[in-house]
């Protein structure tokens, strides 16, 4: 199992792994997993979270997860994330999805590839051959990190992170992050930055909430 690091990608505007180069920019929405149509409290009030996490250190950027202490209904994202194959690379080379979310794997070039996905223990989930126009969907039911490889071209590699948190976001290179439409209440905030993983408890109230995760 490779040591996962998370970076920002310039070529696709999506989340990618450091294994595939030095990225520079990111599309903020691609790192936010919650659909906008959240079930609001009876009074209709929702929260917005803006915060600061440790800035990028080389290729490593911060991931922020929010886990509610009580049940919160947050629908799955409407769009199915896609991991494509072209230029003899997985694009994007990193995807973060929620448990129970489906990923579509495609091949957009006239080259025979495979999509071989293994869990953190090295167990194979599936291994399918792909050709141009190919589409294969798989639902990830277990949280964790997954390696994606092509058996035909060993230089091709990608990573998938599956989280159980209803709210998850990738911070930008400066460490800034934002999470809209959060149901107010008590949450455990988890900061992931490379091998570093830390937690703290927060109370989220309706309206704007500022959270500093740079030094906790």
Protein backbone atom coordinates (compact mmCIF):
# COMPACT_ATOMS: atom_id res chain seq x y z
CA UNK A 1 0.00 0.00 0.00
CA UNK A 2 1.47 3.35 -1.02
CA UNK A 3 1.57 6.13 1.56
CA UNK A 4 -1.26 8.42 0.45
CA UNK A 5 -0.63 12.13 0.03
CA UNK A 6 -3.22 14.55 -1.26
CA UNK A 7 -2.46 17.37 -3.64
CA UNK A 8 -4.15 19.89 -5.93
CA UNK A 9 -4.30 19.27 -9.69
CA UNK A 10 -3.88 21.87 -12.40
CA UNK A 11 -4.64 19.73 -15.43
CA UNK A 12 -8.14 18.54 -14.52
CA UNK A 13 -9.29 20.91 -11.77
CA UNK A 14 -9.98 17.86 -9.60
CA UNK A 15 -8.41 16.19 -6.61
CA UNK A 16 -5.35 14.11 -7.40
CA UNK A 17 -2.57 12.17 -5.73
CA UNK A 18 1.05 13.25 -5.52
CA UNK A 19 1.98 10.12 -7.42
CA UNK A 20 1.10 11.84 -10.70
CA UNK A 21 2.99 15.10 -10.64
CA UNK A 22 3.04 18.54 -9.02
CA UNK A 23 -0.39 20.19 -9.20
CA UNK A 24 -1.24 23.82 -8.61
CA UNK A 25 -4.98 24.54 -8.61
CA UNK A 26 -8.21 22.88 -7.62
CA UNK A 27 -11.90 23.27 -8.25
CA UNK A 28 -13.26 23.81 -4.68
CA UNK A 29 -16.54 21.97 -5.29
CA UNK A 30 -14.70 18.79 -6.26
CA UNK A 31 -13.46 18.40 -2.70
CA UNK A 32 -16.88 18.89 -1.11
CA UNK A 33 -18.92 15.72 -0.81
CA UNK A 34 -22.27 16.86 0.56
CA UNK A 35 -25.14 17.63 -1.81
CA UNK A 36 -26.56 21.15 -1.40
CA UNK A 37 -30.10 19.91 -0.65
CA UNK A 38 -29.51 19.24 3.05
CA UNK A 39 -32.50 18.63 5.31
CA UNK A 40 -32.59 21.83 7.37
CA UNK A 41 -33.83 22.10 10.96
CA UNK A 42 -37.47 23.01 11.59
CA UNK A 43 -36.63 26.73 11.71
CA UNK A 44 -34.84 26.49 8.34
CA UNK A 45 -31.49 27.64 9.72
CA UNK A 46 -28.24 26.16 8.44
CA UNK A 47 -24.60 26.88 9.19
CA UNK A 48 -21.66 27.89 7.07
CA UNK A 49 -18.16 26.91 8.17
CA UNK A 50 -15.05 28.74 7.09
CA UNK A 51 -11.71 27.78 8.49
CA UNK A 52 -7.97 27.42 8.30
CA UNK A 53 -6.02 24.16 8.30
CA UNK A 54 -2.27 23.60 8.00
CA UNK A 55 -1.10 24.82 4.58
CA UNK A 56 0.24 22.48 1.94
CA UNK A 57 3.62 21.00 2.74
CA UNK A 58 5.12 20.03 -0.58
CA UNK A 59 2.44 17.86 -2.17
CA UNK A 60 0.50 17.21 1.03
CA UNK A 61 -2.70 19.19 1.66
CA UNK A 62 -5.22 19.01 4.48
CA UNK A 63 -8.53 17.15 4.47
CA UNK A 64 -11.26 18.18 6.94
CA UNK A 65 -14.04 15.79 7.98
CA UNK A 66 -17.15 16.66 10.04
CA UNK A 67 -18.97 13.88 11.91
CA UNK A 68 -22.20 14.81 13.72
CA UNK A 69 -22.88 13.50 17.23
CA UNK A 70 -26.54 12.95 16.31
CA UNK A 71 -28.07 11.69 13.07
CA UNK A 72 -28.00 14.23 10.25
CA UNK A 73 -29.58 13.61 6.85
CA UNK A 74 -27.15 14.67 4.13
CA UNK A 75 -28.04 13.31 0.67
CA UNK A 76 -25.41 11.77 -1.56
CA UNK A 77 -23.97 14.09 -4.22
CA UNK A 78 -26.13 14.05 -7.32
CA UNK A 79 -23.26 13.72 -9.79
CA UNK A 80 -21.45 10.41 -10.17
CA UNK A 81 -17.68 11.04 -9.95
CA UNK A 82 -15.71 9.75 -12.93
CA UNK A 83 -12.16 8.41 -13.06
CA UNK A 84 -11.10 8.37 -16.72
CA UNK A 85 -8.08 6.89 -18.49
CA UNK A 86 -6.26 8.93 -21.11
CA UNK A 87 -2.67 9.95 -21.78
CA UNK A 88 -1.74 6.66 -20.09
CA UNK A 89 -2.86 8.13 -16.77
CA UNK A 90 -5.86 8.02 -14.45
CA UNK A 91 -7.67 11.34 -14.48
CA UNK A 92 -8.11 12.50 -11.81
CA UNK A 93 -5.52 10.46 -9.96
CA UNK A 94 -7.24 11.02 -6.61
CA UNK A 95 -10.93 10.90 -5.73
CA UNK A 96 -12.55 11.37 -2.33
CA UNK A 97 -16.07 9.94 -2.03
CA UNK A 98 -18.59 9.02 0.64
CA UNK A 99 -19.27 5.49 1.78
CA UNK A 100 -21.98 4.06 -0.44
CA UNK A 101 -21.13 6.36 -3.33
CA UNK A 102 -20.62 4.98 -6.85
CA UNK A 103 -17.64 5.85 -9.05
CA UNK A 104 -17.72 5.47 -12.83
CA UNK A 105 -14.50 4.28 -14.48
CA UNK A 106 -14.04 5.12 -18.18
CA UNK A 107 -11.44 4.86 -20.93
CA UNK A 108 -11.26 7.77 -23.39
CA UNK A 109 -8.28 6.68 -25.49
CA UNK A 110 -7.71 3.97 -28.07
CA UNK A 111 -5.43 1.98 -25.78
CA UNK A 112 -6.15 -1.20 -23.87
CA UNK A 113 -6.01 -0.62 -20.10
CA UNK A 114 -7.25 -2.28 -16.94
CA UNK A 115 -8.78 -0.87 -13.79
CA UNK A 116 -7.46 -2.89 -10.87
CA UNK A 117 -8.53 -1.68 -7.42
CA UNK A 118 -7.09 -3.00 -4.15
CA UNK A 119 -7.92 -2.13 -0.55
CA UNK A 120 -5.37 -1.13 2.10
CA UNK A 121 -4.72 -4.79 2.93
CA UNK A 122 -3.83 -5.51 -0.68
CA UNK A 123 -7.03 -7.46 -1.38
CA UNK A 124 -8.39 -7.03 -4.91
CA UNK A 125 -11.91 -5.55 -5.17
CA UNK A 126 -12.14 -5.85 -8.92
CA UNK A 127 -9.94 -6.04 -12.02
CA UNK A 128 -11.55 -5.22 -15.36
CA UNK A 129 -10.12 -4.70 -18.84
CA UNK A 130 -11.05 -1.39 -20.50
CA UNK A 131 -11.08 -0.06 -24.04
CA UNK A 132 -12.18 3.19 -25.64
CA UNK A 133 -15.77 4.02 -24.77
CA UNK A 134 -15.71 1.60 -21.84
CA UNK A 135 -17.73 2.39 -18.71
CA UNK A 136 -17.76 0.47 -15.44
CA UNK A 137 -19.41 1.51 -12.16
CA UNK A 138 -18.51 0.35 -8.68
CA UNK A 139 -20.03 1.31 -5.32
CA UNK A 140 -17.61 1.69 -2.41
CA UNK A 141 -19.35 0.49 0.75
CA UNK A 142 -16.38 0.46 3.14
CA UNK A 143 -14.42 3.54 4.29
CA UNK A 144 -10.69 3.47 3.69
CA UNK A 145 -8.01 4.12 1.11
CA UNK A 146 -7.81 2.20 -2.15
CA UNK A 147 -5.05 1.77 -4.74
CA UNK A 148 -5.98 1.96 -8.40
CA UNK A 149 -3.60 0.59 -11.03
CA UNK A 150 -3.39 -0.56 -14.62
CA UNK A 151 -1.90 -4.00 -15.09
CA UNK A 152 -1.02 -3.19 -18.70
CA UNK A 153 0.84 0.05 -17.94
CA UNK A 154 2.48 -0.13 -14.52
CA UNK A 155 3.27 3.59 -14.50
CA UNK A 156 -0.45 4.34 -14.18
CA UNK A 157 -1.61 4.73 -10.57
CA UNK A 158 -4.36 6.51 -8.66
CA UNK A 159 -5.87 6.64 -5.18
CA UNK A 160 -9.43 6.66 -3.85
CA UNK A 161 -10.34 7.75 -0.32
CA UNK A 162 -13.76 6.65 0.95
CA UNK A 163 -15.04 8.48 4.03
CA UNK A 164 -18.07 7.92 6.25
CA UNK A 165 -18.38 11.61 7.14
CA UNK A 166 -21.39 13.40 5.61
CA UNK A 167 -19.27 16.56 5.25
CA UNK A 168 -15.73 16.34 3.88
CA UNK A 169 -13.63 18.97 2.16
CA UNK A 170 -10.12 19.39 0.80
CA UNK A 171 -8.39 22.58 1.92
CA UNK A 172 -6.56 24.73 -0.62
CA UNK A 173 -2.78 25.18 -0.67
CA UNK A 174 -3.00 28.00 1.89
CA UNK A 175 -5.07 25.79 4.22
CA UNK A 176 -8.35 27.67 3.72
CA UNK A 177 -11.54 25.63 3.52
CA UNK A 178 -15.31 26.20 3.53
CA UNK A 179 -18.28 23.93 4.16
CA UNK A 180 -21.73 25.33 3.31
CA UNK A 181 -25.19 24.12 4.38
CA UNK A 182 -24.22 22.34 7.60
CA UNK A 183 -26.96 21.31 10.01
CA UNK A 184 -26.20 23.00 13.37
CA UNK A 185 -25.17 20.77 16.27
CA UNK A 186 -22.24 19.06 17.94
CA UNK A 187 -19.55 17.64 15.64
CA UNK A 188 -16.22 15.87 15.78
CA UNK A 189 -13.82 17.58 13.40
CA UNK A 190 -11.04 15.40 12.01
CA UNK A 191 -8.00 16.94 10.36
CA UNK A 192 -5.99 14.70 8.03
CA UNK A 193 -2.65 16.01 6.81
CA UNK A 194 -0.44 13.29 5.39
CA UNK A 195 0.21 10.78 8.17
CA UNK A 196 -1.04 13.26 10.79
CA UNK A 197 -4.64 12.77 12.00
CA UNK A 198 -6.14 14.88 14.78
CA UNK A 199 -9.63 15.36 16.22
CA UNK A 200 -11.49 18.00 18.22
CA UNK A 201 -15.08 18.67 19.27
CA UNK A 202 -16.96 21.73 18.04
CA UNK A 203 -20.46 23.15 18.39
CA UNK A 204 -21.77 24.45 15.07
CA UNK A 205 -24.42 27.16 15.28
CA UNK A 206 -26.68 28.64 12.62
CA UNK A 207 -24.95 31.24 10.46
CA UNK A 208 -21.23 31.73 10.00
CA UNK A 209 -18.78 29.61 12.02
CA UNK A 210 -15.00 30.10 11.97
CA UNK A 211 -12.75 27.15 12.86
CA UNK A 212 -8.98 27.38 13.22
CA UNK A 213 -7.32 23.98 12.81
CA UNK A 214 -3.80 25.23 12.29
CA UNK A 215 -2.57 24.62 15.82
CA UNK A 216 -4.80 22.03 17.48
